[in-house]
Amino acid sequence: QVPVIFITAYPDRLLTGERPEPAFLITKPYQPDTVKAIVSQALFFERRARLKDQPQAGA
């Protein structure tokens, strides 16, 4: 699984279609710190989902 992050100047166009879930949306103009924060969130949630799907040791 790969987190999906959309960066767009036209968020209304993106939100009318189907998109992979969960997806993150950054609108232009954006700040580099915003992109860093969203990437960190996306990676965190992906890792969390992956760990949740793994069988527990001793279970």
N, C-alpha and C. Protein backbone atom coordinates (compact mmCIF):
# COMPACT_ATOMS: atom_id res chain seq x y z
N GLN A 1 0.83 -1.18 0.00
CA GLN A 1 0.00 0.00 0.00
C GLN A 1 0.88 1.24 0.00
N VAL A 2 0.45 2.23 -0.76
CA VAL A 2 1.15 3.50 -0.84
C VAL A 2 0.16 4.61 -0.50
N PRO A 3 0.51 5.48 0.45
CA PRO A 3 -0.39 6.59 0.75
C PRO A 3 -0.54 7.51 -0.47
N VAL A 4 -1.73 8.03 -0.65
CA VAL A 4 -2.01 8.92 -1.78
C VAL A 4 -2.13 10.34 -1.26
N ILE A 5 -1.34 11.25 -1.85
CA ILE A 5 -1.38 12.66 -1.48
C ILE A 5 -1.61 13.46 -2.76
N PHE A 6 -2.70 14.20 -2.80
CA PHE A 6 -3.00 15.05 -3.94
C PHE A 6 -2.57 16.47 -3.62
N ILE A 7 -1.86 17.10 -4.57
CA ILE A 7 -1.54 18.53 -4.48
C ILE A 7 -2.17 19.17 -5.71
N THR A 8 -3.09 20.10 -5.48
CA THR A 8 -3.83 20.67 -6.60
C THR A 8 -4.23 22.11 -6.34
N ALA A 9 -4.38 22.85 -7.41
CA ALA A 9 -4.93 24.20 -7.32
C ALA A 9 -6.44 24.18 -7.52
N TYR A 10 -6.98 23.00 -7.87
CA TYR A 10 -8.41 22.87 -8.16
C TYR A 10 -9.03 21.76 -7.31
N PRO A 11 -9.12 21.95 -6.00
CA PRO A 11 -9.64 20.87 -5.15
C PRO A 11 -11.09 20.51 -5.44
N ASP A 12 -11.88 21.47 -5.89
CA ASP A 12 -13.28 21.17 -6.17
C ASP A 12 -13.41 20.16 -7.31
N ARG A 13 -12.52 20.20 -8.29
CA ARG A 13 -12.55 19.20 -9.37
C ARG A 13 -12.20 17.82 -8.85
N LEU A 14 -11.24 17.76 -7.97
CA LEU A 14 -10.82 16.48 -7.42
C LEU A 14 -11.91 15.88 -6.54
N LEU A 15 -12.56 16.69 -5.76
CA LEU A 15 -13.54 16.19 -4.81
C LEU A 15 -14.83 15.71 -5.47
N THR A 16 -15.04 16.03 -6.73
CA THR A 16 -16.25 15.57 -7.41
C THR A 16 -16.10 14.16 -7.96
N GLY A 17 -14.87 13.70 -8.14
CA GLY A 17 -14.65 12.36 -8.66
C GLY A 17 -14.35 11.37 -7.56
N GLU A 18 -14.16 10.13 -7.96
CA GLU A 18 -13.79 9.11 -6.99
C GLU A 18 -12.29 9.17 -6.79
N ARG A 19 -11.87 8.94 -5.56
CA ARG A 19 -10.45 8.94 -5.26
C ARG A 19 -10.15 7.82 -4.28
N PRO A 20 -8.93 7.36 -4.28
CA PRO A 20 -8.56 6.30 -3.33
C PRO A 20 -8.70 6.80 -1.89
N GLU A 21 -9.09 5.92 -1.01
CA GLU A 21 -9.20 6.27 0.40
C GLU A 21 -8.24 5.43 1.20
N PRO A 22 -7.61 5.90 2.23
CA PRO A 22 -7.64 7.31 2.60
C PRO A 22 -6.70 8.11 1.71
N ALA A 23 -7.06 9.31 1.42
CA ALA A 23 -6.24 10.19 0.60
C ALA A 23 -6.08 11.51 1.33
N PHE A 24 -4.99 12.17 1.08
CA PHE A 24 -4.70 13.45 1.69
C PHE A 24 -4.72 14.50 0.59
N LEU A 25 -5.18 15.69 0.94
CA LEU A 25 -5.33 16.75 -0.04
C LEU A 25 -4.61 18.00 0.43
N ILE A 26 -3.76 18.54 -0.44
CA ILE A 26 -3.06 19.80 -0.19
C ILE A 26 -3.44 20.74 -1.32
N THR A 27 -3.89 21.94 -0.97
CA THR A 27 -4.26 22.89 -2.00
C THR A 27 -3.15 23.90 -2.22
N LYS A 28 -3.02 24.33 -3.47
CA LYS A 28 -2.05 25.35 -3.83
C LYS A 28 -2.67 26.71 -3.60
N PRO A 29 -1.92 27.71 -3.23
CA PRO A 29 -0.50 27.65 -2.88
C PRO A 29 -0.32 26.97 -1.52
N TYR A 30 0.79 26.31 -1.35
CA TYR A 30 1.04 25.59 -0.11
C TYR A 30 2.41 25.98 0.44
N GLN A 31 2.60 25.69 1.70
CA GLN A 31 3.87 25.93 2.36
C GLN A 31 4.62 24.60 2.46
N PRO A 32 5.94 24.62 2.32
CA PRO A 32 6.71 23.38 2.44
C PRO A 32 6.45 22.65 3.76
N ASP A 33 6.26 23.39 4.85
CA ASP A 33 5.98 22.74 6.13
C ASP A 33 4.66 21.97 6.11
N THR A 34 3.70 22.47 5.35
CA THR A 34 2.42 21.77 5.21
C THR A 34 2.62 20.44 4.52
N VAL A 35 3.41 20.43 3.46
CA VAL A 35 3.68 19.19 2.73
C VAL A 35 4.39 18.19 3.65
N LYS A 36 5.38 18.66 4.39
CA LYS A 36 6.10 17.77 5.31
C LYS A 36 5.16 17.16 6.34
N ALA A 37 4.27 17.98 6.87
CA ALA A 37 3.32 17.49 7.88
C ALA A 37 2.37 16.45 7.30
N ILE A 38 1.86 16.71 6.11
CA ILE A 38 0.92 15.77 5.48
C ILE A 38 1.62 14.46 5.13
N VAL A 39 2.85 14.53 4.63
CA VAL A 39 3.60 13.31 4.31
C VAL A 39 3.83 12.51 5.60
N SER A 40 4.18 13.19 6.68
CA SER A 40 4.38 12.50 7.96
C SER A 40 3.10 11.82 8.42
N GLN A 41 1.97 12.51 8.29
CA GLN A 41 0.69 11.92 8.67
C GLN A 41 0.37 10.70 7.81
N ALA A 42 0.56 10.83 6.52
CA ALA A 42 0.26 9.73 5.60
C ALA A 42 1.10 8.50 5.93
N LEU A 43 2.39 8.70 6.18
CA LEU A 43 3.26 7.58 6.52
C LEU A 43 2.89 6.97 7.87
N PHE A 44 2.54 7.81 8.84
CA PHE A 44 2.12 7.32 10.15
C PHE A 44 0.90 6.42 10.03
N PHE A 45 -0.13 6.90 9.33
CA PHE A 45 -1.36 6.11 9.20
C PHE A 45 -1.13 4.83 8.40
N GLU A 46 -0.25 4.88 7.41
CA GLU A 46 0.05 3.68 6.63
C GLU A 46 0.75 2.65 7.50
N ARG A 47 1.74 3.08 8.29
CA ARG A 47 2.44 2.17 9.20
C ARG A 47 1.47 1.57 10.22
N ARG A 48 0.61 2.41 10.75
CA ARG A 48 -0.37 1.96 11.75
C ARG A 48 -1.30 0.90 11.15
N ALA A 49 -1.77 1.13 9.95
CA ALA A 49 -2.65 0.17 9.28
C ALA A 49 -1.92 -1.14 9.01
N ARG A 50 -0.66 -1.03 8.60
CA ARG A 50 0.11 -2.24 8.31
C ARG A 50 0.32 -3.06 9.57
N LEU A 51 0.64 -2.40 10.69
CA LEU A 51 0.84 -3.11 11.95
C LEU A 51 -0.46 -3.74 12.44
N LYS A 52 -1.56 -3.06 12.22
CA LYS A 52 -2.86 -3.58 12.64
C LYS A 52 -3.21 -4.86 11.88
N ASP A 53 -2.80 -4.94 10.62
CA ASP A 53 -3.10 -6.10 9.78
C ASP A 53 -2.21 -7.30 10.07
N GLN A 54 -1.08 -7.08 10.77
CA GLN A 54 -0.17 -8.18 11.07
C GLN A 54 -0.71 -9.00 12.23
N PRO A 55 -0.52 -10.32 12.19
CA PRO A 55 -0.95 -11.15 13.32
C PRO A 55 -0.13 -10.80 14.56
N GLN A 56 -0.78 -10.84 15.70
CA GLN A 56 -0.11 -10.54 16.97
C GLN A 56 0.75 -11.74 17.38
N ALA A 57 1.91 -11.47 17.96
CA ALA A 57 2.78 -12.53 18.46
C ALA A 57 2.11 -13.21 19.65
N GLY A 58 2.10 -14.53 19.64
CA GLY A 58 1.52 -15.29 20.73
C GLY A 58 0.01 -15.42 20.65
N ALA A 59 -0.58 -14.94 19.56
CA ALA A 59 -2.05 -15.02 19.44
C ALA A 59 -2.46 -16.23 18.65
